[in-house]
Amino acid sequence: MSSLFPALTDGPAGGAAGRPALRFGERSLTYGELAAAAGAVAGDLKGVRTAAVWATPTLETAVAVTAALLAGVVVVPLNPKSGERELGHILGDSAPDVLLAAPGVALPDAPAALPRVDVDPARGAGPGPVPDDRERGPKDPALIVYTSGTTGPPKGAVIPRRSIASTLDALADAWRWTDADVLVHGLPLFHVHGLVLGTLGPLRRGGSVRHLGRFTTEGVARELNSGATMLFGVPTMYHRIAEALPSEPDLVRALSGARLLVSGSAALPVHDHERITAATGARVVERYGMTETLMNTSVRVDGETRPGSVGVPLPGVELRLVEEDGTPVTSYDGETVGEIQVRGPNLFTEYLNRPDATAEAFTADGWFRTGDMAVRDPSGDVRIVGRKATDLIKSGGYKIGAGEIENALLEHPGVREAAVTGEPDADLGERIVAWVVPADPQSPPGLEELADHVAARLAPHKRPRVVRHLDVLPRNDMGKIMKRALAHG
């Protein structure tokens, strides 16, 4: 297999050495410096098969992961915000040989018990050997990323090298991503969004990444107005951008001049799409993926952007919708809801130490059951309507996706945030419940007002039957609404 990072294995000797590779705040590395730093860290990993990485949003994390992958070592990214029990489970399950972390960083008991390799990006300041990863096979594991399930402890998705290469190359095709691009983001580095797409993606292309450390609209404006060409974010970030645009002319100018704005990890509300485009003329591109599949679909830069659409399958990815009995959906009418199943080189190989869960996740002919529900338009565009477990509501004989109701609610001027769930109903089977954070807590919109608002935009059977007002919606660290906390809280 070819190298995951040609600009590192081939580039420093061929003209790439002086190009910027990584920048975190005021600290940065060129490709030549990164190659030297990776060589130094790789020298400490001889005989190591699996390495945990204390994945803070720092230069050390990016160097550690790059060095380990070049050395053929499997990386287990650790979320520094995880509790002791979860960290203990992950480390016991993946059994890493060492822990990679920045020098002097204090660690909880479980990771602190591992042999430690300090990662000092400046240590490899002189010329050093770059590890050669080209002898690694496409099916060799690269990452074990733990994904929280609805029940039980997190499962470790084993992501092979071919998945990283195929996803990043497919996105390069869809987004016209080149070595001239400079990416800015403030995403965490223990998820595939910030780590694979946001860090390994620029390095595979030979471009550069500027990490904000902590997301701010001021940071986005500063970087996009000083040479960055792309922005990656989650819907919470783009919502903050949409809110800030009327009072921040530098931000308007920054987004107007960006080559590519990408949102992922959850659906971006249509209202935020429209506000950003109206203020800047720029469109936000959405894509769809998950830990087990990396990326499946994306809006193409040379295609049409429809707010709410996650585009078409990426090159090499097969995608189908299926009914509850597994029968493929054949009607691409924009209304028929089915579960997304995918096949392709982007898929993970297994859940570590969980053959039962692995077998359950795949059909007999190799399709991965995503658990995400969607519709497809006649053009083939995919529109996610929610998770099968929490967002598919069966009410009055209809299958209804929560996502489109949430988008409709967000168009109401009295609604700041919204989530939709279903709850048991003796007559309807399930009734639609709207959880609303009002724009004015002193004058929240009532049930009848919101029900009429939704029915006028969608259909009468999609109107909420219950409205519950909240001060804030519960969200995880990627900005996704935690609906199980709503349903059980």
Protein backbone atom coordinates (compact mmCIF):
# COMPACT_ATOMS: atom_id res chain seq x y z
CA MET A 1 0.00 0.00 0.00
CA SER A 2 1.18 3.56 -0.69
CA SER A 3 1.98 5.85 2.21
CA LEU A 4 -0.83 7.55 4.08
CA PHE A 5 1.27 10.73 4.01
CA PRO A 6 3.23 11.05 0.75
CA ALA A 7 4.30 14.60 1.60
CA LEU A 8 6.10 13.23 4.67
CA THR A 9 7.58 10.02 3.30
CA ASP A 10 8.45 11.48 -0.11
CA GLY A 11 8.11 15.24 0.33
CA PRO A 12 10.81 16.48 2.72
CA ALA A 13 13.48 15.29 0.29
CA GLY A 14 11.55 16.60 -2.68
CA GLY A 15 10.66 20.18 -1.91
CA ALA A 16 7.91 19.90 0.72
CA ALA A 17 10.19 20.40 3.73
CA GLY A 18 9.56 24.11 4.14
CA ARG A 19 5.80 24.04 3.63
CA PRO A 20 3.58 24.59 6.70
CA ALA A 21 2.01 21.36 7.97
CA LEU A 22 0.54 21.93 11.44
CA ARG A 23 -0.25 25.01 13.49
CA PHE A 24 -1.82 25.05 16.93
CA GLY A 25 -2.05 28.58 18.26
CA GLU A 26 1.43 30.09 18.09
CA ARG A 27 3.18 26.73 17.68
CA SER A 28 3.75 25.22 14.25
CA LEU A 29 5.72 22.65 12.28
CA THR A 30 6.74 22.53 8.63
CA TYR A 31 6.70 19.21 6.80
CA GLY A 32 10.43 18.88 7.34
CA GLU A 33 10.07 19.51 11.07
CA LEU A 34 7.10 17.15 11.31
CA ALA A 35 9.04 14.42 9.53
CA ALA A 36 11.91 14.85 11.99
CA ALA A 37 9.57 14.88 15.00
CA ALA A 38 7.73 11.80 13.74
CA GLY A 39 11.04 10.02 13.29
CA ALA A 40 12.03 10.83 16.87
CA VAL A 41 8.74 9.55 18.32
CA ALA A 42 8.80 6.47 16.09
CA GLY A 43 12.20 5.62 17.49
CA ASP A 44 10.54 5.25 20.90
CA LEU A 45 7.89 2.92 19.49
CA LYS A 46 10.06 0.00 18.37
CA GLY A 47 8.33 -3.23 19.30
CA VAL A 48 5.07 -1.43 20.13
CA ARG A 49 1.92 -2.79 18.52
CA THR A 50 -0.75 -0.50 20.02
CA ALA A 51 -0.39 2.98 21.53
CA ALA A 52 -2.97 5.03 23.39
CA VAL A 53 -2.79 8.77 22.71
CA TRP A 54 -3.93 11.37 25.23
CA ALA A 55 -5.81 13.30 22.57
CA THR A 56 -5.76 16.93 23.67
CA PRO A 57 -6.21 19.58 20.94
CA THR A 58 -2.46 20.18 20.73
CA LEU A 59 0.53 19.87 18.44
CA GLU A 60 1.71 16.90 20.53
CA THR A 61 -1.40 14.87 19.68
CA ALA A 62 -1.04 15.49 15.95
CA VAL A 63 2.65 14.51 16.04
CA ALA A 64 1.94 11.41 18.15
CA VAL A 65 -0.77 10.06 15.85
CA THR A 66 1.19 10.81 12.68
CA ALA A 67 4.33 9.17 14.04
CA ALA A 68 2.48 6.06 15.22
CA LEU A 69 0.68 5.59 11.90
CA LEU A 70 3.94 6.00 9.96
CA ALA A 71 5.54 3.41 12.26
CA GLY A 72 2.66 0.97 11.70
CA VAL A 73 1.47 1.25 15.32
CA VAL A 74 -2.27 1.08 16.01
CA VAL A 75 -3.56 4.26 17.65
CA VAL A 76 -6.22 4.41 20.38
CA PRO A 77 -7.26 8.06 20.85
CA LEU A 78 -8.38 8.83 24.41
CA ASN A 79 -10.87 11.56 25.25
CA PRO A 80 -9.29 13.55 28.11
CA LYS A 81 -12.80 14.32 29.41
CA SER A 82 -13.70 10.65 29.86
CA GLY A 83 -14.32 9.40 33.37
CA GLU A 84 -12.13 6.84 35.12
CA ARG A 85 -14.55 3.97 34.51
CA GLU A 86 -14.73 4.61 30.77
CA LEU A 87 -10.97 5.08 30.47
CA GLY A 88 -10.42 1.87 32.41
CA HIS A 89 -12.74 -0.02 30.07
CA ILE A 90 -11.07 1.35 26.91
CA LEU A 91 -7.56 0.61 28.12
CA GLY A 92 -8.51 -2.84 29.38
CA ASP A 93 -10.22 -3.68 26.10
CA SER A 94 -7.56 -2.33 23.70
CA ALA A 95 -4.53 -3.29 25.87
CA PRO A 96 -2.12 -0.63 24.55
CA ASP A 97 1.59 -1.14 25.13
CA VAL A 98 2.31 2.55 25.82
CA LEU A 99 0.66 5.92 26.26
CA LEU A 100 1.72 8.91 24.15
CA ALA A 101 1.25 12.33 25.74
CA ALA A 102 2.75 15.79 26.00
CA PRO A 103 5.56 16.04 28.58
CA GLY A 104 4.39 16.95 32.06
CA VAL A 105 0.67 16.50 31.43
CA ALA A 106 -1.08 15.07 34.51
CA LEU A 107 -3.04 11.89 33.77
CA PRO A 108 -5.82 10.00 35.57
CA ASP A 109 -4.89 6.73 37.28
CA ALA A 110 -5.75 4.32 34.46
CA PRO A 111 -3.63 5.89 31.67
CA ALA A 112 -0.94 6.93 34.16
CA ALA A 113 -0.32 3.25 34.91
CA LEU A 114 0.88 2.62 31.33
CA PRO A 115 4.49 3.01 30.19
CA ARG A 116 4.66 6.59 28.95
CA VAL A 117 6.29 8.06 25.87
CA ASP A 118 6.63 11.84 26.02
CA VAL A 119 5.98 13.59 22.71
CA ASP A 120 8.13 16.68 22.24
CA PRO A 121 7.62 18.20 18.76
CA ALA A 122 10.91 20.10 19.04
CA ARG A 123 12.96 17.03 19.88
CA GLY A 124 13.47 16.06 16.26
CA ALA A 125 14.80 19.44 15.20
CA GLY A 126 17.63 17.95 13.16
CA PRO A 127 17.34 15.66 10.11
CA GLY A 128 16.09 12.25 11.13
CA PRO A 129 14.81 9.12 9.44
CA VAL A 130 11.13 9.19 8.50
CA PRO A 131 9.35 5.91 9.24
CA ASP A 132 8.21 4.16 6.07
CA ASP A 133 4.61 2.94 6.28
CA ARG A 134 4.35 1.75 2.67
CA GLU A 135 4.91 -1.88 3.59
CA ARG A 136 1.72 -1.94 5.66
CA GLY A 137 -1.25 -3.70 4.09
CA PRO A 138 -4.57 -1.96 3.36
CA LYS A 139 -6.37 -4.17 5.87
CA ASP A 140 -3.84 -3.55 8.64
CA PRO A 141 -5.49 -1.68 11.54
CA ALA A 142 -4.66 2.00 11.92
CA LEU A 143 -7.04 3.25 14.62
CA ILE A 144 -9.29 1.85 17.31
CA VAL A 145 -11.90 4.52 18.00
CA TYR A 146 -14.39 3.92 20.79
CA THR A 147 -17.98 4.76 20.04
CA SER A 148 -20.62 5.03 22.72
CA GLY A 149 -23.61 2.79 22.21
CA THR A 150 -27.08 3.26 23.59
CA THR A 151 -26.46 0.50 26.10
CA GLY A 152 -23.33 -1.02 27.60
CA PRO A 153 -19.76 0.26 27.53
CA PRO A 154 -18.24 1.85 24.39
CA LYS A 155 -17.21 -0.48 21.56
CA GLY A 156 -13.85 -0.17 19.82
CA ALA A 157 -14.26 0.22 16.07
CA VAL A 158 -11.13 -1.10 14.33
CA ILE A 159 -10.42 1.20 11.38
CA PRO A 160 -7.97 -0.16 8.79
CA ARG A 161 -5.52 1.90 6.79
CA ARG A 162 -7.55 1.46 3.61
CA SER A 163 -10.53 3.21 5.26
CA ILE A 164 -8.51 6.33 6.02
CA ALA A 165 -6.97 6.45 2.55
CA SER A 166 -10.21 5.77 0.67
CA THR A 167 -12.26 8.30 2.65
CA LEU A 168 -9.70 11.09 2.36
CA ASP A 169 -9.16 10.46 -1.34
CA ALA A 170 -12.91 10.37 -1.98
CA LEU A 171 -13.35 13.67 -0.15
CA ALA A 172 -10.48 15.15 -2.15
CA ASP A 173 -12.44 14.24 -5.27
CA ALA A 174 -15.74 15.64 -3.98
CA TRP A 175 -14.28 18.83 -2.54
CA ARG A 176 -11.39 19.42 -4.99
CA TRP A 177 -9.10 19.31 -1.92
CA THR A 178 -5.43 19.97 -2.81
CA ASP A 179 -2.09 20.80 -1.25
CA ALA A 180 -2.89 24.48 -1.72
CA ASP A 181 -5.71 24.31 0.84
CA VAL A 182 -5.32 25.55 4.40
CA LEU A 183 -7.89 24.09 6.79
CA VAL A 184 -9.05 25.80 9.98
CA HIS A 185 -11.09 24.10 12.71
CA GLY A 186 -11.50 23.78 16.47
CA LEU A 187 -12.65 20.16 16.64
CA PRO A 188 -11.56 17.63 19.28
CA LEU A 189 -8.91 15.13 18.20
CA PHE A 190 -10.40 11.97 19.72
CA HIS A 191 -13.21 11.71 17.12
CA VAL A 192 -12.82 10.86 13.44
CA HIS A 193 -14.11 14.31 12.41
CA GLY A 194 -11.29 16.30 13.99
CA LEU A 195 -8.60 13.62 13.84
CA VAL A 196 -9.06 11.82 10.51
CA LEU A 197 -10.71 14.52 8.40
CA GLY A 198 -9.38 17.59 10.18
CA THR A 199 -5.78 16.52 10.84
CA LEU A 200 -4.82 13.49 8.75
CA GLY A 201 -6.76 14.90 5.77
CA PRO A 202 -4.58 17.98 5.26
CA LEU A 203 -1.41 15.91 5.85
CA ARG A 204 -2.44 13.35 3.23
CA ARG A 205 -3.05 16.13 0.71
CA GLY A 206 0.22 17.90 1.55
CA GLY A 207 -1.68 21.00 2.69
CA SER A 208 -1.84 22.45 6.18
CA VAL A 209 -4.15 22.70 9.17
CA ARG A 210 -4.56 25.53 11.66
CA HIS A 211 -6.22 24.33 14.84
CA LEU A 212 -7.98 26.97 16.92
CA GLY A 213 -7.60 25.09 20.19
CA ARG A 214 -10.97 26.41 21.33
CA PHE A 215 -13.57 27.40 18.76
CA THR A 216 -14.42 31.10 18.58
CA THR A 217 -15.99 33.11 15.78
CA GLU A 218 -13.12 35.61 16.17
CA GLY A 219 -10.61 32.80 15.58
CA VAL A 220 -12.48 31.64 12.48
CA ALA A 221 -12.55 35.16 11.08
CA ARG A 222 -8.86 35.71 11.81
CA GLU A 223 -7.70 32.52 10.09
CA LEU A 224 -9.99 32.69 7.06
CA ASN A 225 -9.01 36.33 6.55
CA SER A 226 -5.31 35.42 6.69
CA GLY A 227 -4.95 32.65 4.14
CA ALA A 228 -7.06 29.71 5.32
CA THR A 229 -9.32 28.34 2.58
CA MET A 230 -11.51 25.73 4.34
CA LEU A 231 -13.50 25.53 7.57
CA PHE A 232 -14.73 22.33 9.25
CA GLY A 233 -17.28 22.55 12.04
CA VAL A 234 -20.26 20.95 13.75
CA PRO A 235 -23.76 22.47 13.74
CA THR A 236 -23.30 24.12 17.14
CA MET A 237 -20.33 26.04 15.72
CA TYR A 238 -22.20 27.10 12.59
CA HIS A 239 -25.17 28.16 14.73
CA ARG A 240 -22.85 30.44 16.70
CA ILE A 241 -21.48 31.77 13.43
CA ALA A 242 -25.00 32.46 12.12
CA GLU A 243 -25.85 34.28 15.36
CA ALA A 244 -22.66 36.37 15.22
CA LEU A 245 -22.76 37.41 11.54
CA PRO A 246 -24.99 40.50 11.97
CA SER A 247 -22.53 42.09 14.42
CA GLU A 248 -19.17 40.82 13.10
CA PRO A 249 -18.27 42.23 9.65
CA ASP A 250 -14.88 40.51 9.74
CA LEU A 251 -16.67 37.17 10.03
CA VAL A 252 -18.92 38.00 7.08
CA ARG A 253 -15.85 38.83 4.98
CA ALA A 254 -14.09 35.64 6.13
CA LEU A 255 -16.91 33.28 5.19
CA SER A 256 -17.57 35.13 1.94
CA GLY A 257 -13.97 34.50 0.85
CA ALA A 258 -13.65 30.88 1.99
CA ARG A 259 -13.35 28.21 -0.68
CA LEU A 260 -15.19 25.56 1.32
CA LEU A 261 -17.33 25.45 4.47
CA VAL A 262 -18.13 21.94 5.73
CA SER A 263 -20.50 20.91 8.51
CA GLY A 264 -20.73 17.40 9.92
CA SER A 265 -21.31 15.09 12.90
CA ALA A 266 -25.01 16.05 13.01
CA ALA A 267 -27.56 17.73 10.74
CA LEU A 268 -27.19 21.48 10.27
CA PRO A 269 -30.62 23.11 10.67
CA VAL A 270 -32.00 24.61 7.47
CA HIS A 271 -32.51 27.94 9.24
CA ASP A 272 -28.77 28.24 9.92
CA HIS A 273 -27.97 27.29 6.32
CA GLU A 274 -30.21 30.08 5.10
CA ARG A 275 -28.91 32.72 7.54
CA ILE A 276 -25.28 32.05 6.60
CA THR A 277 -25.95 32.11 2.87
CA ALA A 278 -28.06 35.27 3.12
CA ALA A 279 -25.34 37.11 5.04
CA THR A 280 -22.27 35.90 3.13
CA GLY A 281 -23.34 34.37 -0.18
CA ALA A 282 -21.46 31.22 0.88
CA ARG A 283 -23.04 27.80 1.13
CA VAL A 284 -22.27 25.24 3.78
CA VAL A 285 -21.56 21.75 2.46
CA GLU A 286 -22.79 18.79 4.52
CA ARG A 287 -21.43 15.27 4.51
CA TYR A 288 -22.50 12.09 6.28
CA GLY A 289 -20.38 9.55 8.07
CA MET A 290 -19.86 7.75 11.35
CA THR A 291 -17.05 6.16 13.31
CA GLU A 292 -17.57 2.74 11.77
CA THR A 293 -17.77 3.94 8.17
CA LEU A 294 -15.78 7.19 8.11
CA MET A 295 -17.43 9.14 5.27
CA ASN A 296 -20.30 7.81 3.15
CA THR A 297 -21.76 10.77 1.28
CA SER A 298 -21.13 14.44 0.63
CA VAL A 299 -22.45 17.38 -1.27
CA ARG A 300 -19.92 17.98 -4.05
CA VAL A 301 -18.40 21.40 -4.61
CA ASP A 302 -19.43 21.13 -8.26
CA GLY A 303 -22.96 20.01 -7.36
CA GLU A 304 -26.11 21.68 -6.13
CA THR A 305 -26.48 22.41 -2.42
CA ARG A 306 -29.88 21.73 -0.96
CA PRO A 307 -30.15 22.62 2.73
CA GLY A 308 -30.81 19.41 4.64
CA SER A 309 -29.12 17.19 2.04
CA VAL A 310 -25.90 15.30 2.77
CA GLY A 311 -25.28 14.80 -0.94
CA VAL A 312 -24.57 11.65 -2.89
CA PRO A 313 -22.47 8.56 -2.13
CA LEU A 314 -18.73 9.19 -2.32
CA PRO A 315 -16.61 7.37 -4.93
CA GLY A 316 -16.28 3.70 -3.95
CA VAL A 317 -19.21 3.76 -1.51
CA GLU A 318 -22.37 1.73 -2.16
CA LEU A 319 -25.48 2.99 -0.35
CA ARG A 320 -29.03 1.70 -0.15
CA LEU A 321 -32.15 2.29 1.94
CA VAL A 322 -34.03 -0.70 3.32
CA GLU A 323 -37.42 -1.32 4.88
CA GLU A 324 -37.75 -2.84 8.35
CA ASP A 325 -37.79 -6.34 6.84
CA GLY A 326 -34.56 -5.66 4.92
CA THR A 327 -36.25 -5.14 1.55
CA PRO A 328 -34.47 -2.41 -0.44
CA VAL A 329 -36.41 0.83 -0.92
CA THR A 330 -36.83 1.38 -4.66
CA SER A 331 -38.74 4.67 -4.63
CA TYR A 332 -36.51 7.75 -4.60
CA ASP A 333 -39.41 10.15 -4.03
CA GLY A 334 -38.01 12.24 -1.19
CA GLU A 335 -40.65 10.84 1.17
CA THR A 336 -40.11 7.09 1.60
CA VAL A 337 -38.05 6.52 4.75
CA GLY A 338 -35.58 3.64 5.03
CA GLU A 339 -32.52 2.66 7.04
CA ILE A 340 -29.18 3.47 5.42
CA GLN A 341 -26.91 0.51 4.70
CA VAL A 342 -23.47 0.93 3.15
CA ARG A 343 -20.65 -1.15 1.65
CA GLY A 344 -17.20 -0.14 0.54
CA PRO A 345 -13.51 0.26 1.41
CA ASN A 346 -14.38 3.00 3.93
CA LEU A 347 -15.80 0.50 6.45
CA PHE A 348 -14.26 -0.61 9.72
CA THR A 349 -13.33 -4.29 10.01
CA GLU A 350 -14.73 -5.23 13.43
CA TYR A 351 -15.67 -4.19 16.92
CA LEU A 352 -12.63 -5.16 18.97
CA ASN A 353 -13.24 -8.29 21.07
CA ARG A 354 -16.94 -8.19 20.14
CA PRO A 355 -17.63 -10.78 17.42
CA ASP A 356 -21.30 -10.80 18.41
CA ALA A 357 -21.70 -7.06 17.89
CA THR A 358 -19.70 -7.23 14.64
CA ALA A 359 -21.92 -9.98 13.23
CA GLU A 360 -25.06 -8.09 14.24
CA ALA A 361 -23.85 -4.92 12.52
CA PHE A 362 -23.50 -6.51 9.06
CA THR A 363 -25.91 -8.28 6.73
CA ALA A 364 -24.97 -11.65 5.29
CA ASP A 365 -23.82 -10.00 2.06
CA GLY A 366 -21.62 -7.39 3.74
CA TRP A 367 -23.82 -4.31 4.10
CA PHE A 368 -23.27 -2.33 7.30
CA ARG A 369 -26.45 -1.42 9.16
CA THR A 370 -25.97 2.23 10.12
CA GLY A 371 -29.13 2.68 12.16
CA ASP A 372 -29.64 6.05 10.42
CA MET A 373 -32.93 6.74 8.67
CA ALA A 374 -33.10 8.73 5.44
CA VAL A 375 -34.97 9.51 2.26
CA ARG A 376 -33.51 9.90 -1.24
CA ASP A 377 -34.59 12.45 -3.80
CA PRO A 378 -35.06 11.53 -7.48
CA SER A 379 -31.59 13.05 -8.08
CA GLY A 380 -30.08 10.51 -5.66
CA ASP A 381 -29.39 13.05 -2.90
CA VAL A 382 -29.63 11.62 0.61
CA ARG A 383 -31.47 13.44 3.40
CA ILE A 384 -31.04 12.10 6.94
CA VAL A 385 -34.22 12.17 9.01
CA GLY A 386 -32.79 10.71 12.22
CA ARG A 387 -31.58 7.67 14.11
CA LYS A 388 -33.65 4.51 13.97
CA ALA A 389 -33.49 4.14 17.75
CA THR A 390 -34.41 7.70 18.73
CA ASP A 391 -35.60 9.71 15.71
CA LEU A 392 -37.98 7.44 13.82
CA ILE A 393 -41.48 8.08 15.12
CA LYS A 394 -44.34 5.77 14.13
CA SER A 395 -47.52 7.78 14.57
CA GLY A 396 -50.96 7.06 13.16
CA GLY A 397 -49.58 4.58 10.64
CA TYR A 398 -46.91 6.96 9.34
CA LYS A 399 -43.12 6.70 9.66
CA ILE A 400 -41.92 10.19 10.53
CA GLY A 401 -38.35 11.46 10.84
CA ALA A 402 -37.73 13.83 13.74
CA GLY A 403 -35.21 15.91 11.79
CA GLU A 404 -37.63 17.56 9.38
CA ILE A 405 -39.96 18.56 12.24
CA GLU A 406 -37.00 20.06 14.11
CA ASN A 407 -36.09 22.12 11.05
CA ALA A 408 -39.67 23.37 10.77
CA LEU A 409 -39.77 24.32 14.45
CA LEU A 410 -36.50 26.26 14.11
CA GLU A 411 -38.13 28.44 11.46
CA HIS A 412 -40.54 29.77 14.11
CA PRO A 413 -39.28 33.11 15.50
CA GLY A 414 -40.15 32.07 19.04
CA VAL A 415 -37.92 28.97 18.95
CA ARG A 416 -34.20 29.17 19.73
CA GLU A 417 -33.49 25.43 19.89
CA ALA A 418 -35.64 22.38 19.26
CA ALA A 419 -35.57 18.61 19.50
CA VAL A 420 -38.28 16.11 18.65
CA THR A 421 -38.91 12.66 20.12
CA GLY A 422 -41.74 10.17 20.24
CA GLU A 423 -43.50 8.77 23.28
CA PRO A 424 -46.11 6.01 23.63
CA ASP A 425 -49.70 6.93 22.78
CA ALA A 426 -52.66 4.55 23.12
CA ASP A 427 -54.36 5.91 20.00
CA LEU A 428 -51.51 6.88 17.65
CA GLY A 429 -48.90 4.33 18.73
CA GLU A 430 -46.47 7.21 19.31
CA ARG A 431 -47.15 10.91 19.68
CA ILE A 432 -44.72 13.61 18.58
CA VAL A 433 -43.12 15.56 21.42
CA ALA A 434 -41.36 18.89 20.77
CA TRP A 435 -38.70 19.98 23.27
CA VAL A 436 -38.24 23.71 22.79
CA VAL A 437 -35.84 26.31 24.13
CA PRO A 438 -37.83 29.52 23.59
CA ALA A 439 -36.26 32.67 22.22
CA ASP A 440 -38.06 34.59 24.96
CA PRO A 441 -38.44 32.50 28.12
CA GLN A 442 -41.06 34.94 29.40
CA SER A 443 -43.29 34.31 26.38
CA PRO A 444 -42.75 30.77 25.07
CA PRO A 445 -44.76 29.64 22.02
CA GLY A 446 -47.59 27.30 22.91
CA LEU A 447 -48.63 23.91 21.54
CA GLU A 448 -51.37 25.13 19.21
CA GLU A 449 -49.15 27.81 17.69
CA LEU A 450 -46.27 25.41 17.05
CA ALA A 451 -48.53 22.58 15.84
CA ASP A 452 -50.14 24.88 13.26
CA HIS A 453 -46.71 26.18 12.24
CA VAL A 454 -45.40 22.64 11.55
CA ALA A 455 -48.62 21.40 9.89
CA ALA A 456 -48.55 24.34 7.45
CA ARG A 457 -44.98 23.53 6.38
CA LEU A 458 -44.97 19.73 6.37
CA ALA A 459 -48.21 17.80 6.85
CA PRO A 460 -50.88 17.63 9.57
CA HIS A 461 -49.75 14.20 10.78
CA LYS A 462 -46.27 15.62 11.50
CA ARG A 463 -47.43 18.27 13.97
CA PRO A 464 -46.31 17.93 17.61
CA ARG A 465 -48.94 16.75 20.09
CA VAL A 466 -46.94 17.81 23.15
CA VAL A 467 -44.58 20.76 23.72
CA ARG A 468 -42.13 20.85 26.62
CA HIS A 469 -40.11 23.99 27.31
CA LEU A 470 -36.49 23.81 28.50
CA ASP A 471 -33.74 26.26 29.39
CA VAL A 472 -31.17 24.28 27.37
CA LEU A 473 -30.98 21.06 25.36
CA PRO A 474 -28.56 18.37 26.58
CA ARG A 475 -25.69 17.96 24.11
CA ASN A 476 -22.53 15.86 23.93
CA ASP A 477 -19.04 17.20 23.18
CA MET A 478 -19.69 17.15 19.42
CA GLY A 479 -22.85 19.23 19.77
CA LYS A 480 -25.28 16.36 19.19
CA ILE A 481 -28.52 16.51 21.15
CA MET A 482 -28.69 13.63 23.62
CA LYS A 483 -32.27 12.54 23.04
CA ARG A 484 -32.17 9.64 25.44
CA ALA A 485 -31.52 12.14 28.20
CA LEU A 486 -34.68 13.97 27.11
CA ALA A 487 -36.78 10.85 26.85
CA HIS A 488 -35.67 9.57 30.25
CA GLY A 489 -35.12 12.85 32.05
